[in-house]
Amino acid sequence: MFELKWVPDAQDQYQTLREKAEEALKSRVGKGKRKSSKDEGLYKQVHKTLKLLRENPKHPGLHSHPFDSLQHPYNKDEKVWESYAQNRTPSAYRIFWCYGPCRAELTIIAITPHP
């Protein structure tokens, strides 16, 4: 099992997703609606992806692969990885991460919609 470390921007992105989901949940419950909002669904998908990354970064459902456009924050010679939080969705969300800085740690670099 890996411990997750966060780049400050990634932590802010995750916190924003969480806050939007919590607001949507309060609004939905207040209106008596049963169906989850898009914000709630997105947060749930990102949260599940982070859980799978902690357990096994090579999990086939993550579709993890190297991503060349970002630089590793700790070692320029190491790879940055991209994992899918969503698939077959317009502007599907991705999580960018790397191994390190220490053994059994993953650093979350960004949580963003696919360009």
N, C-alpha and C. Protein backbone atom coordinates (compact mmCIF):
# COMPACT_ATOMS: atom_id res chain seq x y z
N MET A 1 0.84 -1.17 0.00
CA MET A 1 0.00 0.00 0.00
C MET A 1 0.89 1.24 0.00
N PHE A 2 0.53 2.21 -0.83
CA PHE A 2 1.31 3.43 -0.96
C PHE A 2 0.68 4.55 -0.13
N GLU A 3 1.53 5.43 0.35
CA GLU A 3 1.06 6.64 1.01
C GLU A 3 1.00 7.74 -0.04
N LEU A 4 -0.05 8.55 -0.03
CA LEU A 4 -0.18 9.63 -0.99
C LEU A 4 0.39 10.92 -0.43
N LYS A 5 1.22 11.56 -1.23
CA LYS A 5 1.73 12.90 -0.95
C LYS A 5 1.10 13.80 -2.00
N TRP A 6 1.02 15.08 -1.73
CA TRP A 6 0.33 16.00 -2.62
C TRP A 6 1.18 17.21 -2.94
N VAL A 7 1.19 17.61 -4.22
CA VAL A 7 1.68 18.91 -4.62
C VAL A 7 0.57 19.88 -4.21
N PRO A 8 0.88 21.09 -3.72
CA PRO A 8 -0.17 21.99 -3.23
C PRO A 8 -1.31 22.24 -4.23
N ASP A 9 -1.00 22.41 -5.51
CA ASP A 9 -2.06 22.64 -6.50
C ASP A 9 -2.99 21.43 -6.60
N ALA A 10 -2.45 20.24 -6.55
CA ALA A 10 -3.28 19.03 -6.63
C ALA A 10 -4.17 18.91 -5.40
N GLN A 11 -3.64 19.23 -4.24
CA GLN A 11 -4.44 19.21 -3.01
C GLN A 11 -5.60 20.20 -3.13
N ASP A 12 -5.33 21.39 -3.68
CA ASP A 12 -6.38 22.39 -3.87
C ASP A 12 -7.43 21.90 -4.87
N GLN A 13 -7.00 21.25 -5.94
CA GLN A 13 -7.93 20.72 -6.94
C GLN A 13 -8.85 19.66 -6.31
N TYR A 14 -8.28 18.78 -5.52
CA TYR A 14 -9.06 17.74 -4.86
C TYR A 14 -10.04 18.35 -3.86
N GLN A 15 -9.58 19.33 -3.09
CA GLN A 15 -10.43 19.99 -2.10
C GLN A 15 -11.59 20.72 -2.79
N THR A 16 -11.34 21.34 -3.92
CA THR A 16 -12.39 22.02 -4.68
C THR A 16 -13.45 21.02 -5.15
N LEU A 17 -13.00 19.87 -5.67
CA LEU A 17 -13.94 18.83 -6.09
C LEU A 17 -14.79 18.36 -4.91
N ARG A 18 -14.16 18.17 -3.76
CA ARG A 18 -14.88 17.72 -2.57
C ARG A 18 -15.92 18.75 -2.13
N GLU A 19 -15.52 20.03 -2.11
CA GLU A 19 -16.45 21.08 -1.68
C GLU A 19 -17.65 21.20 -2.62
N LYS A 20 -17.40 21.11 -3.92
CA LYS A 20 -18.50 21.16 -4.89
C LYS A 20 -19.45 19.98 -4.69
N ALA A 21 -18.90 18.80 -4.44
CA ALA A 21 -19.74 17.61 -4.22
C ALA A 21 -20.56 17.76 -2.94
N GLU A 22 -19.96 18.30 -1.88
CA GLU A 22 -20.69 18.48 -0.63
C GLU A 22 -21.82 19.51 -0.78
N GLU A 23 -21.55 20.60 -1.51
CA GLU A 23 -22.58 21.60 -1.77
C GLU A 23 -23.72 21.00 -2.58
N ALA A 24 -23.37 20.23 -3.61
CA ALA A 24 -24.39 19.60 -4.45
C ALA A 24 -25.24 18.62 -3.64
N LEU A 25 -24.60 17.88 -2.75
CA LEU A 25 -25.33 16.93 -1.91
C LEU A 25 -26.32 17.66 -1.00
N LYS A 26 -25.87 18.74 -0.35
CA LYS A 26 -26.76 19.51 0.52
C LYS A 26 -27.95 20.06 -0.28
N SER A 27 -27.68 20.59 -1.44
CA SER A 27 -28.74 21.14 -2.28
C SER A 27 -29.72 20.05 -2.70
N ARG A 28 -29.19 18.92 -3.09
CA ARG A 28 -30.04 17.80 -3.55
C ARG A 28 -30.92 17.29 -2.42
N VAL A 29 -30.35 17.11 -1.25
CA VAL A 29 -31.11 16.62 -0.11
C VAL A 29 -32.17 17.65 0.28
N GLY A 30 -31.79 18.93 0.24
CA GLY A 30 -32.73 19.99 0.58
C GLY A 30 -33.93 20.04 -0.35
N LYS A 31 -33.71 19.69 -1.61
CA LYS A 31 -34.79 19.69 -2.60
C LYS A 31 -35.52 18.35 -2.67
N GLY A 32 -35.04 17.37 -1.92
CA GLY A 32 -35.68 16.06 -1.91
C GLY A 32 -35.40 15.21 -3.14
N LYS A 33 -34.35 15.54 -3.86
CA LYS A 33 -33.99 14.76 -5.05
C LYS A 33 -33.17 13.54 -4.65
N ARG A 34 -33.28 12.49 -5.44
CA ARG A 34 -32.57 11.25 -5.15
C ARG A 34 -31.34 11.06 -6.02
N LYS A 35 -31.38 11.55 -7.26
CA LYS A 35 -30.30 11.31 -8.20
C LYS A 35 -29.11 12.22 -7.89
N SER A 36 -27.92 11.62 -7.88
CA SER A 36 -26.69 12.36 -7.61
C SER A 36 -26.39 13.35 -8.73
N SER A 37 -25.72 14.43 -8.36
CA SER A 37 -25.34 15.45 -9.34
C SER A 37 -24.03 15.05 -10.03
N LYS A 38 -23.68 15.78 -11.07
CA LYS A 38 -22.42 15.53 -11.77
C LYS A 38 -21.23 15.77 -10.85
N ASP A 39 -21.32 16.81 -10.02
CA ASP A 39 -20.22 17.10 -9.09
C ASP A 39 -20.02 15.97 -8.09
N GLU A 40 -21.13 15.41 -7.60
CA GLU A 40 -21.03 14.27 -6.67
C GLU A 40 -20.40 13.07 -7.37
N GLY A 41 -20.83 12.79 -8.58
CA GLY A 41 -20.30 11.66 -9.33
C GLY A 41 -18.82 11.81 -9.65
N LEU A 42 -18.42 13.02 -10.04
CA LEU A 42 -17.02 13.27 -10.36
C LEU A 42 -16.14 13.06 -9.13
N TYR A 43 -16.55 13.61 -8.00
CA TYR A 43 -15.76 13.44 -6.77
C TYR A 43 -15.64 11.96 -6.41
N LYS A 44 -16.75 11.24 -6.54
CA LYS A 44 -16.74 9.81 -6.22
C LYS A 44 -15.75 9.06 -7.12
N GLN A 45 -15.72 9.41 -8.41
CA GLN A 45 -14.81 8.74 -9.35
C GLN A 45 -13.35 9.07 -9.04
N VAL A 46 -13.07 10.34 -8.75
CA VAL A 46 -11.69 10.74 -8.44
C VAL A 46 -11.25 10.08 -7.13
N HIS A 47 -12.13 10.06 -6.14
CA HIS A 47 -11.79 9.44 -4.85
C HIS A 47 -11.49 7.95 -5.03
N LYS A 48 -12.30 7.27 -5.83
CA LYS A 48 -12.08 5.84 -6.09
C LYS A 48 -10.74 5.62 -6.80
N THR A 49 -10.43 6.49 -7.75
CA THR A 49 -9.16 6.37 -8.48
C THR A 49 -7.98 6.52 -7.53
N LEU A 50 -8.06 7.47 -6.61
CA LEU A 50 -6.99 7.66 -5.63
C LEU A 50 -6.85 6.44 -4.73
N LYS A 51 -7.97 5.84 -4.37
CA LYS A 51 -7.94 4.62 -3.55
C LYS A 51 -7.24 3.49 -4.30
N LEU A 52 -7.58 3.32 -5.59
CA LEU A 52 -6.94 2.27 -6.40
C LEU A 52 -5.45 2.54 -6.56
N LEU A 53 -5.07 3.82 -6.73
CA LEU A 53 -3.65 4.16 -6.85
C LEU A 53 -2.90 3.77 -5.58
N ARG A 54 -3.48 4.04 -4.42
CA ARG A 54 -2.84 3.68 -3.15
C ARG A 54 -2.62 2.18 -3.06
N GLU A 55 -3.62 1.42 -3.52
CA GLU A 55 -3.55 -0.04 -3.40
C GLU A 55 -2.65 -0.67 -4.46
N ASN A 56 -2.76 -0.19 -5.70
CA ASN A 56 -2.00 -0.79 -6.80
C ASN A 56 -1.96 0.16 -7.98
N PRO A 57 -0.88 0.94 -8.14
CA PRO A 57 -0.81 1.89 -9.25
C PRO A 57 -0.88 1.24 -10.63
N LYS A 58 -0.67 -0.07 -10.69
CA LYS A 58 -0.71 -0.78 -11.97
C LYS A 58 -2.06 -1.46 -12.21
N HIS A 59 -3.06 -1.13 -11.40
CA HIS A 59 -4.40 -1.70 -11.56
C HIS A 59 -4.87 -1.46 -13.00
N PRO A 60 -5.34 -2.49 -13.70
CA PRO A 60 -5.71 -2.32 -15.11
C PRO A 60 -6.83 -1.31 -15.35
N GLY A 61 -7.72 -1.11 -14.40
CA GLY A 61 -8.81 -0.15 -14.57
C GLY A 61 -8.35 1.30 -14.58
N LEU A 62 -7.13 1.55 -14.10
CA LEU A 62 -6.61 2.91 -14.08
C LEU A 62 -6.03 3.35 -15.42
N HIS A 63 -5.69 2.39 -16.27
CA HIS A 63 -5.07 2.68 -17.57
C HIS A 63 -3.85 3.59 -17.40
N SER A 64 -3.06 3.33 -16.38
CA SER A 64 -1.88 4.16 -16.09
C SER A 64 -0.84 4.02 -17.18
N HIS A 65 -0.30 5.15 -17.60
CA HIS A 65 0.77 5.15 -18.60
C HIS A 65 1.63 6.40 -18.42
N PRO A 66 2.88 6.35 -18.88
CA PRO A 66 3.77 7.51 -18.73
C PRO A 66 3.22 8.73 -19.48
N PHE A 67 3.48 9.89 -18.93
CA PHE A 67 3.04 11.15 -19.51
C PHE A 67 4.27 12.04 -19.62
N ASP A 68 4.61 12.45 -20.84
CA ASP A 68 5.88 13.14 -21.08
C ASP A 68 5.84 14.65 -20.89
N SER A 69 4.67 15.26 -20.85
CA SER A 69 4.58 16.72 -20.84
C SER A 69 4.77 17.35 -19.47
N LEU A 70 4.83 16.56 -18.42
CA LEU A 70 5.07 17.09 -17.08
C LEU A 70 6.41 16.58 -16.57
N GLN A 71 7.08 17.41 -15.80
CA GLN A 71 8.38 17.03 -15.25
C GLN A 71 8.20 16.47 -13.84
N HIS A 72 8.93 15.41 -13.56
CA HIS A 72 8.93 14.79 -12.24
C HIS A 72 9.44 15.82 -11.22
N PRO A 73 8.72 16.02 -10.11
CA PRO A 73 9.13 17.06 -9.15
C PRO A 73 10.38 16.74 -8.33
N TYR A 74 10.79 15.48 -8.29
CA TYR A 74 11.92 15.09 -7.45
C TYR A 74 13.14 14.63 -8.23
N ASN A 75 12.92 14.03 -9.41
CA ASN A 75 14.02 13.47 -10.19
C ASN A 75 13.69 13.61 -11.67
N LYS A 76 14.44 14.43 -12.35
CA LYS A 76 14.17 14.71 -13.77
C LYS A 76 14.23 13.47 -14.66
N ASP A 77 14.93 12.44 -14.21
CA ASP A 77 15.07 11.22 -15.02
C ASP A 77 13.93 10.23 -14.82
N GLU A 78 13.08 10.45 -13.83
CA GLU A 78 11.96 9.55 -13.56
C GLU A 78 10.72 9.97 -14.35
N LYS A 79 9.76 9.06 -14.44
CA LYS A 79 8.55 9.30 -15.22
C LYS A 79 7.43 9.88 -14.37
N VAL A 80 6.59 10.66 -15.03
CA VAL A 80 5.31 11.09 -14.48
C VAL A 80 4.26 10.21 -15.14
N TRP A 81 3.26 9.79 -14.38
CA TRP A 81 2.24 8.88 -14.88
C TRP A 81 0.88 9.56 -14.95
N GLU A 82 0.07 9.08 -15.86
CA GLU A 82 -1.31 9.55 -16.01
C GLU A 82 -2.23 8.36 -15.78
N SER A 83 -3.26 8.56 -14.95
CA SER A 83 -4.26 7.52 -14.70
C SER A 83 -5.64 8.11 -14.95
N TYR A 84 -6.54 7.25 -15.42
CA TYR A 84 -7.89 7.69 -15.75
C TYR A 84 -8.78 7.68 -14.51
N ALA A 85 -9.43 8.81 -14.24
CA ALA A 85 -10.50 8.84 -13.25
C ALA A 85 -11.84 8.65 -13.96
N GLN A 86 -11.88 9.06 -15.22
CA GLN A 86 -13.06 8.88 -16.07
C GLN A 86 -12.58 8.41 -17.44
N ASN A 87 -13.50 7.80 -18.17
CA ASN A 87 -13.18 7.33 -19.51
C ASN A 87 -14.42 7.50 -20.38
N ARG A 88 -14.22 7.74 -21.64
CA ARG A 88 -15.32 7.92 -22.59
C ARG A 88 -16.31 8.99 -22.14
N THR A 89 -15.77 10.08 -21.65
CA THR A 89 -16.55 11.22 -21.20
C THR A 89 -15.89 12.48 -21.76
N PRO A 90 -16.66 13.44 -22.28
CA PRO A 90 -16.03 14.68 -22.73
C PRO A 90 -15.26 15.33 -21.57
N SER A 91 -14.06 15.76 -21.84
CA SER A 91 -13.18 16.36 -20.83
C SER A 91 -13.02 15.43 -19.62
N ALA A 92 -12.79 14.16 -19.88
CA ALA A 92 -12.64 13.16 -18.81
C ALA A 92 -11.49 13.54 -17.89
N TYR A 93 -11.70 13.34 -16.60
CA TYR A 93 -10.68 13.70 -15.61
C TYR A 93 -9.55 12.69 -15.58
N ARG A 94 -8.33 13.23 -15.36
CA ARG A 94 -7.11 12.43 -15.25
C ARG A 94 -6.38 12.82 -13.97
N ILE A 95 -5.63 11.88 -13.45
CA ILE A 95 -4.78 12.15 -12.30
C ILE A 95 -3.34 11.91 -12.73
N PHE A 96 -2.51 12.92 -12.51
CA PHE A 96 -1.09 12.84 -12.85
C PHE A 96 -0.32 12.65 -11.56
N TRP A 97 0.59 11.68 -11.56
CA TRP A 97 1.28 11.31 -10.34
C TRP A 97 2.67 10.77 -10.66
N CYS A 98 3.46 10.59 -9.61
CA CYS A 98 4.80 10.01 -9.77
C CYS A 98 5.13 9.22 -8.51
N TYR A 99 6.12 8.37 -8.63
CA TYR A 99 6.62 7.64 -7.47
C TYR A 99 7.53 8.56 -6.68
N GLY A 100 7.47 8.46 -5.36
CA GLY A 100 8.39 9.22 -4.53
C GLY A 100 7.69 10.28 -3.72
N PRO A 101 8.41 11.01 -2.91
CA PRO A 101 9.86 11.10 -2.86
C PRO A 101 10.53 9.91 -2.17
N CYS A 102 9.81 9.22 -1.30
CA CYS A 102 10.38 8.09 -0.60
C CYS A 102 9.77 6.78 -1.09
N ARG A 103 10.34 5.71 -0.65
CA ARG A 103 9.83 4.39 -1.00
C ARG A 103 8.39 4.24 -0.47
N ALA A 104 7.55 3.60 -1.23
CA ALA A 104 6.14 3.35 -0.87
C ALA A 104 5.33 4.64 -0.78
N GLU A 105 5.73 5.66 -1.53
CA GLU A 105 4.98 6.91 -1.60
C GLU A 105 4.68 7.25 -3.05
N LEU A 106 3.51 7.83 -3.27
CA LEU A 106 3.13 8.38 -4.56
C LEU A 106 2.82 9.85 -4.35
N THR A 107 3.25 10.68 -5.28
CA THR A 107 2.94 12.10 -5.20
C THR A 107 1.91 12.44 -6.27
N ILE A 108 0.81 13.01 -5.86
CA ILE A 108 -0.23 13.46 -6.78
C ILE A 108 0.18 14.84 -7.26
N ILE A 109 0.34 14.97 -8.58
CA ILE A 109 0.82 16.23 -9.17
C ILE A 109 -0.35 17.09 -9.63
N ALA A 110 -1.37 16.47 -10.22
CA ALA A 110 -2.51 17.23 -10.73
C ALA A 110 -3.74 16.34 -10.90
N ILE A 111 -4.90 16.96 -10.75
CA ILE A 111 -6.19 16.31 -11.02
C ILE A 111 -6.91 17.26 -11.96
N THR A 112 -6.97 16.90 -13.24
CA THR A 112 -7.51 17.84 -14.22
C THR A 112 -8.34 17.13 -15.30
N PRO A 113 -9.20 17.89 -15.97
CA PRO A 113 -9.90 17.31 -17.12
C PRO A 113 -8.94 17.15 -18.28
N HIS A 114 -9.14 16.12 -19.06
CA HIS A 114 -8.31 15.87 -20.24
C HIS A 114 -8.51 17.01 -21.22
N PRO A 115 -7.42 17.53 -21.78
CA PRO A 115 -7.54 18.67 -22.71
C PRO A 115 -8.31 18.33 -23.98
